[in-house]
PDB file of N, CA and C in Angstrom:
ATOM      1  N   MET A   1     164.951  27.449  26.438  1.00  0.00           N
ATOM      2  CA  MET A   1     164.650  28.666  27.143  1.00  0.00           C
ATOM      3  C   MET A   1     164.054  28.313  28.493  1.00  0.00           C
ATOM      4  N   ARG A   2     164.601  28.867  29.511  1.00  0.00           N
ATOM      5  CA  ARG A   2     164.104  28.619  30.856  1.00  0.00           C
ATOM      6  C   ARG A   2     163.082  29.690  31.200  1.00  0.00           C
ATOM      7  N   VAL A   3     161.905  29.264  31.629  1.00  0.00           N
ATOM      8  CA  VAL A   3     160.845  30.199  31.960  1.00  0.00           C
ATOM      9  C   VAL A   3     160.905  30.481  33.449  1.00  0.00           C
ATOM     10  N   THR A   4     161.048  31.734  33.791  1.00  0.00           N
ATOM     11  CA  THR A   4     161.041  32.150  35.183  1.00  0.00           C
ATOM     12  C   THR A   4     159.799  32.973  35.435  1.00  0.00           C
ATOM     13  N   GLU A   5     159.570  33.303  36.690  1.00  0.00           N
ATOM     14  CA  GLU A   5     158.383  34.074  37.024  1.00  0.00           C
ATOM     15  C   GLU A   5     158.428  35.452  36.372  1.00  0.00           C
ATOM     16  N   ASN A   6     159.608  36.064  36.313  1.00  0.00           N
ATOM     17  CA  ASN A   6     159.715  37.385  35.694  1.00  0.00           C
ATOM     18  C   ASN A   6     159.459  37.310  34.191  1.00  0.00           C
ATOM     19  N   SER A   7     160.021  36.287  33.525  1.00  0.00           N
ATOM     20  CA  SER A   7     159.790  36.179  32.088  1.00  0.00           C
ATOM     21  C   SER A   7     158.336  35.819  31.798  1.00  0.00           C
ATOM     22  N   THR A   8     157.710  35.042  32.674  1.00  0.00           N
ATOM     23  CA  THR A   8     156.296  34.714  32.505  1.00  0.00           C
ATOM     24  C   THR A   8     155.460  35.979  32.628  1.00  0.00           C
ATOM     25  N   TYR A   9     155.800  36.841  33.589  1.00  0.00           N
ATOM     26  CA  TYR A   9     155.068  38.091  33.742  1.00  0.00           C
ATOM     27  C   TYR A   9     155.227  38.961  32.499  1.00  0.00           C
ATOM     28  N   GLY A  10     156.415  38.975  31.922  1.00  0.00           N
ATOM     29  CA  GLY A  10     156.637  39.749  30.705  1.00  0.00           C
ATOM     30  C   GLY A  10     155.807  39.229  29.548  1.00  0.00           C
ATOM     31  N   VAL A  11     155.715  37.909  29.425  1.00  0.00           N
ATOM     32  CA  VAL A  11     154.901  37.313  28.357  1.00  0.00           C
ATOM     33  C   VAL A  11     153.436  37.661  28.561  1.00  0.00           C
ATOM     34  N   VAL A  12     152.970  37.575  29.806  1.00  0.00           N
ATOM     35  CA  VAL A  12     151.574  37.899  30.104  1.00  0.00           C
ATOM     36  C   VAL A  12     151.316  39.377  29.820  1.00  0.00           C
ATOM     37  N   ARG A  13     152.229  40.241  30.241  1.00  0.00           N
ATOM     38  CA  ARG A  13     152.064  41.681  30.020  1.00  0.00           C
ATOM     39  C   ARG A  13     152.010  41.988  28.518  1.00  0.00           C
ATOM     40  N   ASP A  14     152.899  41.364  27.740  1.00  0.00           N
ATOM     41  CA  ASP A  14     152.892  41.570  26.290  1.00  0.00           C
ATOM     42  C   ASP A  14     151.609  41.038  25.663  1.00  0.00           C
ATOM     43  N   SER A  15     151.152  39.896  26.142  1.00  0.00           N
ATOM     44  CA  SER A  15     149.909  39.313  25.618  1.00  0.00           C
ATOM     45  C   SER A  15     148.719  40.209  25.916  1.00  0.00           C
ATOM     46  N   ILE A  16     148.696  40.765  27.125  1.00  0.00           N
ATOM     47  CA  ILE A  16     147.604  41.671  27.492  1.00  0.00           C
ATOM     48  C   ILE A  16     147.616  42.890  26.584  1.00  0.00           C
ATOM     49  N   GLN A  17     148.795  43.446  26.334  1.00  0.00           N
ATOM     50  CA  GLN A  17     148.900  44.620  25.474  1.00  0.00           C
ATOM     51  C   GLN A  17     148.420  44.304  24.053  1.00  0.00           C
ATOM     52  N   ARG A  18     148.860  43.160  23.503  1.00  0.00           N
ATOM     53  CA  ARG A  18     148.421  42.782  22.154  1.00  0.00           C
ATOM     54  C   ARG A  18     146.911  42.548  22.117  1.00  0.00           C
ATOM     55  N   SER A  19     146.368  41.930  23.169  1.00  0.00           N
ATOM     56  CA  SER A  19     144.930  41.674  23.215  1.00  0.00           C
ATOM     57  C   SER A  19     144.147  42.974  23.271  1.00  0.00           C
ATOM     58  N   ARG A  20     144.616  43.917  24.070  1.00  0.00           N
ATOM     59  CA  ARG A  20     143.933  45.213  24.142  1.00  0.00           C
ATOM     60  C   ARG A  20     143.965  45.923  22.792  1.00  0.00           C
ATOM     61  N   GLU A  21     145.112  45.873  22.115  1.00  0.00           N
ATOM     62  CA  GLU A  21     145.215  46.516  20.808  1.00  0.00           C
ATOM     63  C   GLU A  21     144.236  45.889  19.816  1.00  0.00           C
ATOM     64  N   ARG A  22     144.137  44.557  19.838  1.00  0.00           N
ATOM     65  CA  ARG A  22     143.204  43.877  18.935  1.00  0.00           C
ATOM     66  C   ARG A  22     141.763  44.224  19.283  1.00  0.00           C
ATOM     67  N   MET A  23     141.450  44.244  20.588  1.00  0.00           N
ATOM     68  CA  MET A  23     140.088  44.575  20.998  1.00  0.00           C
ATOM     69  C   MET A  23     139.759  46.026  20.656  1.00  0.00           C
ATOM     70  N   ASP A  24     140.704  46.954  20.884  1.00  0.00           N
ATOM     71  CA  ASP A  24     140.476  48.358  20.546  1.00  0.00           C
ATOM     72  C   ASP A  24     140.209  48.521  19.052  1.00  0.00           C
ATOM     73  N   SER A  25     140.997  47.832  18.233  1.00  0.00           N
ATOM     74  CA  SER A  25     140.809  47.906  16.791  1.00  0.00           C
ATOM     75  C   SER A  25     139.434  47.363  16.393  1.00  0.00           C
ATOM     76  N   TYR A  26     139.046  46.247  16.995  1.00  0.00           N
ATOM     77  CA  TYR A  26     137.754  45.640  16.690  1.00  0.00           C
ATOM     78  C   TYR A  26     136.614  46.556  17.137  1.00  0.00           C
ATOM     79  N   LEU A  27     136.733  47.149  18.327  1.00  0.00           N
ATOM     80  CA  LEU A  27     135.699  48.069  18.800  1.00  0.00           C
ATOM     81  C   LEU A  27     135.591  49.294  17.897  1.00  0.00           C
ATOM     82  N   HIS A  28     136.728  49.785  17.426  1.00  0.00           N
ATOM     83  CA  HIS A  28     136.714  50.930  16.512  1.00  0.00           C
ATOM     84  C   HIS A  28     135.988  50.569  15.224  1.00  0.00           C
ATOM     85  N   GLN A  29     136.235  49.364  14.700  1.00  0.00           N
ATOM     86  CA  GLN A  29     135.549  48.918  13.483  1.00  0.00           C
ATOM     87  C   GLN A  29     134.043  48.792  13.719  1.00  0.00           C
ATOM     88  N   LEU A  30     133.657  48.237  14.886  1.00  0.00           N
ATOM     89  CA  LEU A  30     132.237  48.101  15.195  1.00  0.00           C
ATOM     90  C   LEU A  30     131.558  49.463  15.289  1.00  0.00           C
ATOM     91  N   CYS A  31     132.210  50.390  15.965  1.00  0.00           N
ATOM     92  CA  CYS A  31     131.635  51.734  16.094  1.00  0.00           C
ATOM     93  C   CYS A  31     131.568  52.440  14.750  1.00  0.00           C
ATOM     94  N   ALA A  32     132.593  52.290  13.930  1.00  0.00           N
ATOM     95  CA  ALA A  32     132.593  52.914  12.602  1.00  0.00           C
ATOM     96  C   ALA A  32     131.466  52.345  11.754  1.00  0.00           C
ATOM     97  N   GLY A  33     131.153  51.082  11.936  1.00  0.00           N
ATOM     98  CA  GLY A  33     130.059  50.469  11.192  1.00  0.00           C
ATOM     99  C   GLY A  33     128.693  50.998  11.599  1.00  0.00           C
ATOM    100  N   GLN A  34     128.596  51.549  12.803  1.00  0.00           N
ATOM    101  CA  GLN A  34     127.316  52.079  13.288  1.00  0.00           C
ATOM    102  C   GLN A  34     127.088  53.530  12.885  1.00  0.00           C
ATOM    103  N   VAL A  35     128.135  54.197  12.399  1.00  0.00           N
ATOM    104  CA  VAL A  35     128.006  55.594  11.988  1.00  0.00           C
ATOM    105  C   VAL A  35     127.303  55.629  10.635  1.00  0.00           C
ATOM    106  N   PRO A  36     126.207  56.404  10.524  1.00  0.00           N
ATOM    107  CA  PRO A  36     125.503  56.462   9.241  1.00  0.00           C
ATOM    108  C   PRO A  36     126.320  57.222   8.198  1.00  0.00           C
ATOM    109  N   GLY A  37     126.143  56.861   6.958  1.00  0.00           N
ATOM    110  CA  GLY A  37     126.845  57.516   5.866  1.00  0.00           C
ATOM    111  C   GLY A  37     128.074  56.730   5.448  1.00  0.00           C
ATOM    112  N   ASP A  38     128.719  57.221   4.394  1.00  0.00           N
ATOM    113  CA  ASP A  38     129.877  56.526   3.843  1.00  0.00           C
ATOM    114  C   ASP A  38     131.169  56.860   4.567  1.00  0.00           C
ATOM    115  N   THR A  39     131.284  58.071   5.079  1.00  0.00           N
ATOM    116  CA  THR A  39     132.538  58.498   5.701  1.00  0.00           C
ATOM    117  C   THR A  39     132.260  59.111   7.058  1.00  0.00           C
ATOM    118  N   TYR A  40     133.291  59.211   7.847  1.00  0.00           N
ATOM    119  CA  TYR A  40     133.200  59.837   9.160  1.00  0.00           C
ATOM    120  C   TYR A  40     134.549  60.483   9.458  1.00  0.00           C
ATOM    121  N   ARG A  41     134.508  61.452  10.376  1.00  0.00           N
ATOM    122  CA  ARG A  41     135.729  62.125  10.808  1.00  0.00           C
ATOM    123  C   ARG A  41     135.784  62.137  12.318  1.00  0.00           C
ATOM    124  N   ASN A  42     136.991  62.073  12.833  1.00  0.00           N
ATOM    125  CA  ASN A  42     137.240  62.249  14.262  1.00  0.00           C
ATOM    126  C   ASN A  42     136.453  61.274  15.136  1.00  0.00           C
ATOM    127  N   LEU A  43     136.351  60.035  14.722  1.00  0.00           N
ATOM    128  CA  LEU A  43     135.703  59.024  15.549  1.00  0.00           C
ATOM    129  C   LEU A  43     136.646  58.674  16.687  1.00  0.00           C
ATOM    130  N   ASN A  44     136.195  58.831  17.896  1.00  0.00           N
ATOM    131  CA  ASN A  44     137.020  58.578  19.072  1.00  0.00           C
ATOM    132  C   ASN A  44     136.359  57.485  19.899  1.00  0.00           C
ATOM    133  N   VAL A  45     137.009  56.362  20.037  1.00  0.00           N
ATOM    134  CA  VAL A  45     136.515  55.243  20.826  1.00  0.00           C
ATOM    135  C   VAL A  45     137.481  55.073  21.988  1.00  0.00           C
ATOM    136  N   SER A  46     136.956  55.160  23.221  1.00  0.00           N
ATOM    137  CA  SER A  46     137.800  55.067  24.417  1.00  0.00           C
ATOM    138  C   SER A  46     137.288  53.954  25.324  1.00  0.00           C
ATOM    139  N   PRO A  47     137.680  52.715  25.059  1.00  0.00           N
ATOM    140  CA  PRO A  47     137.209  51.617  25.914  1.00  0.00           C
ATOM    141  C   PRO A  47     137.878  51.663  27.283  1.00  0.00           C
ATOM    142  N   HIS A  48     137.164  51.168  28.276  1.00  0.00           N
ATOM    143  CA  HIS A  48     137.691  51.077  29.641  1.00  0.00           C
ATOM    144  C   HIS A  48     137.643  49.608  30.045  1.00  0.00           C
ATOM    145  N   TYR A  49     138.762  49.086  30.490  1.00  0.00           N
ATOM    146  CA  TYR A  49     138.846  47.678  30.884  1.00  0.00           C
ATOM    147  C   TYR A  49     138.928  47.610  32.404  1.00  0.00           C
ATOM    148  N   ALA A  50     138.093  46.768  33.003  1.00  0.00           N
ATOM    149  CA  ALA A  50     138.079  46.632  34.463  1.00  0.00           C
ATOM    150  C   ALA A  50     138.046  45.152  34.835  1.00  0.00           C
ATOM    151  N   ASP A  51     138.512  44.862  36.020  1.00  0.00           N
ATOM    152  CA  ASP A  51     138.495  43.502  36.578  1.00  0.00           C
ATOM    153  C   ASP A  51     139.115  42.487  35.630  1.00  0.00           C
ATOM    154  N   GLN A  52     140.292  42.780  35.141  1.00  0.00           N
ATOM    155  CA  GLN A  52     140.969  41.876  34.221  1.00  0.00           C
ATOM    156  C   GLN A  52     141.709  40.801  35.012  1.00  0.00           C
ATOM    157  N   THR A  53     141.568  39.581  34.567  1.00  0.00           N
ATOM    158  CA  THR A  53     142.291  38.454  35.168  1.00  0.00           C
ATOM    159  C   THR A  53     142.797  37.572  34.041  1.00  0.00           C
ATOM    160  N   PHE A  54     143.672  36.658  34.379  1.00  0.00           N
ATOM    161  CA  PHE A  54     144.105  35.665  33.411  1.00  0.00           C
ATOM    162  C   PHE A  54     144.264  34.346  34.130  1.00  0.00           C
ATOM    163  N   LYS A  55     144.171  33.301  33.370  1.00  0.00           N
ATOM    164  CA  LYS A  55     144.337  31.956  33.910  1.00  0.00           C
ATOM    165  C   LYS A  55     145.295  31.207  33.013  1.00  0.00           C
ATOM    166  N   HIS A  56     146.112  30.401  33.617  1.00  0.00           N
ATOM    167  CA  HIS A  56     147.012  29.559  32.836  1.00  0.00           C
ATOM    168  C   HIS A  56     146.201  28.438  32.208  1.00  0.00           C
ATOM    169  N   ILE A  57     146.574  28.079  31.031  1.00  0.00           N
ATOM    170  CA  ILE A  57     145.896  26.989  30.345  1.00  0.00           C
ATOM    171  C   ILE A  57     146.962  26.084  29.751  1.00  0.00           C
ATOM    172  N   LEU A  58     146.758  24.824  29.906  1.00  0.00           N
ATOM    173  CA  LEU A  58     147.678  23.846  29.341  1.00  0.00           C
ATOM    174  C   LEU A  58     147.018  23.232  28.119  1.00  0.00           C
ATOM    175  N   VAL A  59     147.680  23.349  27.003  1.00  0.00           N
ATOM    176  CA  VAL A  59     147.165  22.842  25.743  1.00  0.00           C
ATOM    177  C   VAL A  59     148.214  21.916  25.160  1.00  0.00           C
ATOM    178  N   PRO A  60     147.804  20.736  24.712  1.00  0.00           N
ATOM    179  CA  PRO A  60     148.802  19.862  24.092  1.00  0.00           C
ATOM    180  C   PRO A  60     149.296  20.435  22.769  1.00  0.00           C
ATOM    181  N   VAL A  61     150.576  20.347  22.567  1.00  0.00           N
ATOM    182  CA  VAL A  61     151.201  20.817  21.335  1.00  0.00           C
ATOM    183  C   VAL A  61     152.107  19.708  20.838  1.00  0.00           C
ATOM    184  N   TRP A  62     151.965  19.366  19.564  1.00  0.00           N
ATOM    185  CA  TRP A  62     152.816  18.354  18.973  1.00  0.00           C
ATOM    186  C   TRP A  62     153.823  19.014  18.052  1.00  0.00           C
ATOM    187  N   LEU A  63     155.069  18.653  18.206  1.00  0.00           N
ATOM    188  CA  LEU A  63     156.142  19.161  17.364  1.00  0.00           C
ATOM    189  C   LEU A  63     156.598  18.035  16.450  1.00  0.00           C
ATOM    190  N   LEU A  64     156.788  18.353  15.191  1.00  0.00           N
ATOM    191  CA  LEU A  64     157.163  17.351  14.213  1.00  0.00           C
ATOM    192  C   LEU A  64     158.326  17.883  13.392  1.00  0.00           C
ATOM    193  N   THR A  65     159.365  17.089  13.275  1.00  0.00           N
ATOM    194  CA  THR A  65     160.490  17.405  12.405  1.00  0.00           C
ATOM    195  C   THR A  65     160.698  16.213  11.487  1.00  0.00           C
ATOM    196  N   PHE A  66     160.753  16.474  10.183  1.00  0.00           N
ATOM    197  CA  PHE A  66     160.963  15.372   9.248  1.00  0.00           C
ATOM    198  C   PHE A  66     161.862  15.828   8.123  1.00  0.00           C
ATOM    199  N   THR A  67     162.508  14.848   7.517  1.00  0.00           N
ATOM    200  CA  THR A  67     163.405  15.104   6.402  1.00  0.00           C
ATOM    201  C   THR A  67     162.761  14.580   5.134  1.00  0.00           C
ATOM    202  N   TYR A  68     162.735  15.424   4.106  1.00  0.00           N
ATOM    203  CA  TYR A  68     162.219  15.023   2.809  1.00  0.00           C
ATOM    204  C   TYR A  68     163.269  15.422   1.791  1.00  0.00           C
ATOM    205  N   GLY A  69     163.874  14.434   1.173  1.00  0.00           N
ATOM    206  CA  GLY A  69     164.987  14.716   0.268  1.00  0.00           C
ATOM    207  C   GLY A  69     166.163  15.244   1.070  1.00  0.00           C
ATOM    208  N   ALA A  70     166.667  16.402   0.690  1.00  0.00           N
ATOM    209  CA  ALA A  70     167.788  17.000   1.395  1.00  0.00           C
ATOM    210  C   ALA A  70     167.343  18.096   2.357  1.00  0.00           C
ATOM    211  N   SER A  71     166.038  18.330   2.459  1.00  0.00           N
ATOM    212  CA  SER A  71     165.538  19.422   3.291  1.00  0.00           C
ATOM    213  C   SER A  71     164.908  18.895   4.573  1.00  0.00           C
ATOM    214  N   VAL A  72     165.031  19.698   5.620  1.00  0.00           N
ATOM    215  CA  VAL A  72     164.423  19.377   6.913  1.00  0.00           C
ATOM    216  C   VAL A  72     163.237  20.318   7.108  1.00  0.00           C
ATOM    217  N   TYR A  73     162.097  19.760   7.475  1.00  0.00           N
ATOM    218  CA  TYR A  73     160.873  20.530   7.673  1.00  0.00           C
ATOM    219  C   TYR A  73     160.412  20.370   9.120  1.00  0.00           C
ATOM    220  N   GLN A  74     159.775  21.414   9.639  1.00  0.00           N
ATOM    221  CA  GLN A  74     159.230  21.371  10.986  1.00  0.00           C
ATOM    222  C   GLN A  74     157.773  21.815  10.947  1.00  0.00           C
ATOM    223  N   ALA A  75     156.972  21.203  11.796  1.00  0.00           N
ATOM    224  CA  ALA A  75     155.561  21.569  11.898  1.00  0.00           C
ATOM    225  C   ALA A  75     155.154  21.531  13.365  1.00  0.00           C
ATOM    226  N   VAL A  76     154.166  22.357  13.700  1.00  0.00           N
ATOM    227  CA  VAL A  76     153.618  22.417  15.050  1.00  0.00           C
ATOM    228  C   VAL A  76     152.113  22.253  14.932  1.00  0.00           C
ATOM    229  N   VAL A  77     151.535  21.390  15.756  1.00  0.00           N
ATOM    230  CA  VAL A  77     150.094  21.160  15.747  1.00  0.00           C
ATOM    231  C   VAL A  77     149.539  21.560  17.105  1.00  0.00           C
ATOM    232  N   ASN A  78     148.560  22.459  17.106  1.00  0.00           N
ATOM    233  CA  ASN A  78     147.882  22.869  18.328  1.00  0.00           C
ATOM    234  C   ASN A  78     146.864  21.784  18.650  1.00  0.00           C
ATOM    235  N   GLY A  79     147.010  21.153  19.793  1.00  0.00           N
ATOM    236  CA  GLY A  79     146.138  20.054  20.168  1.00  0.00           C
ATOM    237  C   GLY A  79     144.737  20.483  20.540  1.00  0.00           C
ATOM    238  N   TYR A  80     144.532  21.762  20.771  1.00  0.00           N
ATOM    239  CA  TYR A  80     143.211  22.262  21.142  1.00  0.00           C
ATOM    240  C   TYR A  80     142.402  22.651  19.907  1.00  0.00           C
ATOM    241  N   THR A  81     143.005  23.402  19.014  1.00  0.00           N
ATOM    242  CA  THR A  81     142.277  23.870  17.826  1.00  0.00           C
ATOM    243  C   THR A  81     142.521  23.002  16.601  1.00  0.00           C
ATOM    244  N   GLY A  82     143.616  22.247  16.595  1.00  0.00           N
ATOM    245  CA  GLY A  82     143.953  21.433  15.444  1.00  0.00           C
ATOM    246  C   GLY A  82     144.663  22.200  14.349  1.00  0.00           C
ATOM    247  N   ARG A  83     144.988  23.468  14.591  1.00  0.00           N
ATOM    248  CA  ARG A  83     145.683  24.267  13.581  1.00  0.00           C
ATOM    249  C   ARG A  83     147.121  23.791  13.439  1.00  0.00           C
ATOM    250  N   ILE A  84     147.588  23.803  12.210  1.00  0.00           N
ATOM    251  CA  ILE A  84     148.939  23.343  11.899  1.00  0.00           C
ATOM    252  C   ILE A  84     149.729  24.519  11.344  1.00  0.00           C
ATOM    253  N   ALA A  85     150.941  24.656  11.819  1.00  0.00           N
ATOM    254  CA  ALA A  85     151.825  25.704  11.317  1.00  0.00           C
ATOM    255  C   ALA A  85     153.147  25.057  10.945  1.00  0.00           C
ATOM    256  N   GLY A  86     153.745  25.540   9.882  1.00  0.00           N
ATOM    257  CA  GLY A  86     155.034  25.004   9.468  1.00  0.00           C
ATOM    258  C   GLY A  86     155.142  24.955   7.967  1.00  0.00           C
ATOM    259  N   ARG A  87     156.272  24.468   7.512  1.00  0.00           N
ATOM    260  CA  ARG A  87     156.525  24.331   6.081  1.00  0.00           C
ATOM    261  C   ARG A  87     156.390  22.868   5.690  1.00  0.00           C
ATOM    262  N   TYR A  88     156.077  22.653   4.424  1.00  0.00           N
ATOM    263  CA  TYR A  88     155.969  21.293   3.916  1.00  0.00           C
ATOM    264  C   TYR A  88     156.536  21.260   2.510  1.00  0.00           C
ATOM    265  N   PRO A  89     156.962  20.085   2.063  1.00  0.00           N
ATOM    266  CA  PRO A  89     157.531  19.991   0.709  1.00  0.00           C
ATOM    267  C   PRO A  89     156.439  20.154  -0.347  1.00  0.00           C
ATOM    268  N   LYS A  90     156.785  20.840  -1.411  1.00  0.00           N
ATOM    269  CA  LYS A  90     155.852  21.047  -2.513  1.00  0.00           C
ATOM    270  C   LYS A  90     156.395  20.330  -3.751  1.00  0.00           C
ATOM    271  N   SER A  91     155.526  19.626  -4.425  1.00  0.00           N
ATOM    272  CA  SER A  91     155.906  18.878  -5.610  1.00  0.00           C
ATOM    273  C   SER A  91     155.732  19.753  -6.845  1.00  0.00           C
ATOM    274  N   TRP A  92     156.818  20.002  -7.564  1.00  0.00           N
ATOM    275  CA  TRP A  92     156.722  20.838  -8.768  1.00  0.00           C
ATOM    276  C   TRP A  92     155.891  20.150  -9.833  1.00  0.00           C
ATOM    277  N   VAL A  93     155.852  18.831  -9.823  1.00  0.00           N
ATOM    278  CA  VAL A  93     155.037  18.090 -10.799  1.00  0.00           C
ATOM    279  C   VAL A  93     153.553  18.345 -10.537  1.00  0.00           C
ATOM    280  N   GLU A  94     153.140  18.267  -9.278  1.00  0.00           N
ATOM    281  CA  GLU A  94     151.738  18.501  -8.951  1.00  0.00           C
ATOM    282  C   GLU A  94     151.337  19.944  -9.218  1.00  0.00           C
ATOM    283  N   ILE A  95     152.227  20.893  -8.932  1.00  0.00           N
ATOM    284  CA  ILE A  95     151.945  22.298  -9.201  1.00  0.00           C
ATOM    285  C   ILE A  95     151.785  22.515 -10.707  1.00  0.00           C
ATOM    286  N   LEU A  96     152.667  21.920 -11.505  1.00  0.00           N
ATOM    287  CA  LEU A  96     152.591  22.042 -12.961  1.00  0.00           C
ATOM    288  C   LEU A  96     151.289  21.446 -13.482  1.00  0.00           C
ATOM    289  N   LEU A  97     150.909  20.268 -12.975  1.00  0.00           N
ATOM    290  CA  LEU A  97     149.654  19.642 -13.402  1.00  0.00           C
ATOM    291  C   LEU A  97     148.447  20.510 -13.029  1.00  0.00           C
ATOM    292  N   LEU A  98     148.469  21.131 -11.875  1.00  0.00           N
ATOM    293  CA  LEU A  98     147.375  21.995 -11.456  1.00  0.00           C
ATOM    294  C   LEU A  98     147.271  23.212 -12.375  1.00  0.00           C
ATOM    295  N   VAL A  99     148.397  23.821 -12.702  1.00  0.00           N
ATOM    296  CA  VAL A  99     148.395  24.976 -13.599  1.00  0.00           C
ATOM    297  C   VAL A  99     147.874  24.578 -14.973  1.00  0.00           C
ATOM    298  N   LEU A 100     148.316  23.426 -15.493  1.00  0.00           N
ATOM    299  CA  LEU A 100     147.828  22.958 -16.792  1.00  0.00           C
ATOM    300  C   LEU A 100     146.322  22.680 -16.756  1.00  0.00           C
ATOM    301  N   PHE A 101     145.852  22.099 -15.678  1.00  0.00           N
ATOM    302  CA  PHE A 101     144.420  21.830 -15.529  1.00  0.00           C
ATOM    303  C   PHE A 101     143.621  23.134 -15.535  1.00  0.00           C
ATOM    304  N   ILE A 102     144.095  24.131 -14.818  1.00  0.00           N
ATOM    305  CA  ILE A 102     143.406  25.422 -14.773  1.00  0.00           C
ATOM    306  C   ILE A 102     143.398  26.068 -16.151  1.00  0.00           C
ATOM    307  N   LEU A 103     144.541  26.021 -16.854  1.00  0.00           N
ATOM    308  CA  LEU A 103     144.602  26.596 -18.205  1.00  0.00           C
ATOM    309  C   LEU A 103     143.662  25.872 -19.156  1.00  0.00           C
ATOM    310  N   CYS A 104     143.578  24.546 -19.058  1.00  0.00           N
ATOM    311  CA  CYS A 104     142.655  23.782 -19.904  1.00  0.00           C
ATOM    312  C   CYS A 104     141.208  24.146 -19.583  1.00  0.00           C
ATOM    313  N   ALA A 105     140.892  24.301 -18.313  1.00  0.00           N
ATOM    314  CA  ALA A 105     139.530  24.664 -17.921  1.00  0.00           C
ATOM    315  C   ALA A 105     139.174  26.043 -18.457  1.00  0.00           C
ATOM    316  N   ILE A 106     140.105  26.974 -18.397  1.00  0.00           N
ATOM    317  CA  ILE A 106     139.863  28.321 -18.935  1.00  0.00           C
ATOM    318  C   ILE A 106     139.687  28.247 -20.453  1.00  0.00           C
ATOM    319  N   GLY A 107     140.539  27.463 -21.127  1.00  0.00           N
ATOM    320  CA  GLY A 107     140.425  27.301 -22.575  1.00  0.00           C
ATOM    321  C   GLY A 107     139.095  26.708 -22.981  1.00  0.00           C
ATOM    322  N   ILE A 108     138.634  25.690 -22.267  1.00  0.00           N
ATOM    323  CA  ILE A 108     137.336  25.076 -22.562  1.00  0.00           C
ATOM    324  C   ILE A 108     136.212  26.074 -22.326  1.00  0.00           C
ATOM    325  N   ALA A 109     136.309  26.848 -21.244  1.00  0.00           N
ATOM    326  CA  ALA A 109     135.281  27.845 -20.955  1.00  0.00           C
ATOM    327  C   ALA A 109     135.224  28.907 -22.052  1.00  0.00           C
ATOM    328  N   VAL A 110     136.371  29.315 -22.564  1.00  0.00           N
ATOM    329  CA  VAL A 110     136.416  30.309 -23.646  1.00  0.00           C
ATOM    330  C   VAL A 110     135.806  29.730 -24.918  1.00  0.00           C
ATOM    331  N   LEU A 111     136.147  28.477 -25.250  1.00  0.00           N
ATOM    332  CA  LEU A 111     135.586  27.840 -26.451  1.00  0.00           C
ATOM    333  C   LEU A 111     134.074  27.696 -26.340  1.00  0.00           C
ATOM    334  N   VAL A 112     133.596  27.306 -25.196  1.00  0.00           N
ATOM    335  CA  VAL A 112     132.149  27.107 -25.015  1.00  0.00           C
ATOM    336  C   VAL A 112     131.423  28.454 -25.082  1.00  0.00           C
ATOM    337  N   SER A 113     132.017  29.488 -24.529  1.00  0.00           N
ATOM    338  CA  SER A 113     131.364  30.800 -24.528  1.00  0.00           C
ATOM    339  C   SER A 113     131.350  31.434 -25.918  1.00  0.00           C
ATOM    340  N   GLN A 114     132.262  31.050 -26.808  1.00  0.00           N
ATOM    341  CA  GLN A 114     132.304  31.601 -28.159  1.00  0.00           C
ATOM    342  C   GLN A 114     131.275  30.958 -29.073  1.00  0.00           C
ATOM    343  N   ARG A 115     130.788  29.807 -28.740  1.00  0.00           N
ATOM    344  CA  ARG A 115     129.822  29.097 -29.593  1.00  0.00           C
ATOM    345  C   ARG A 115     128.436  29.515 -29.339  1.00  0.00           C
TER     346      ARG A 115
END
């Protein structure tokens, strides 16, 4: 994908819109938390945003593609936060052992609680 100035502006505009929606939702939750009582009606929160700017930020991103068995997996690592996104192979043997371990722990807990 080739990034042009117009497409960059569109991405920034979309990001600003999503950010405002998230901030509006968060502000509504904060205000609702300040209302005394269990319920409220007609809560109207009207935030005003002024002097908005943005700055470009360069963050390292690592892309990983690997083959495990017959499947191809991809992962992305954010170099700033360390968050990883992607799929990974799951071992049915390890999942089965985990389920058996949990069932044994529950069984032992039931036996101990009956005595």
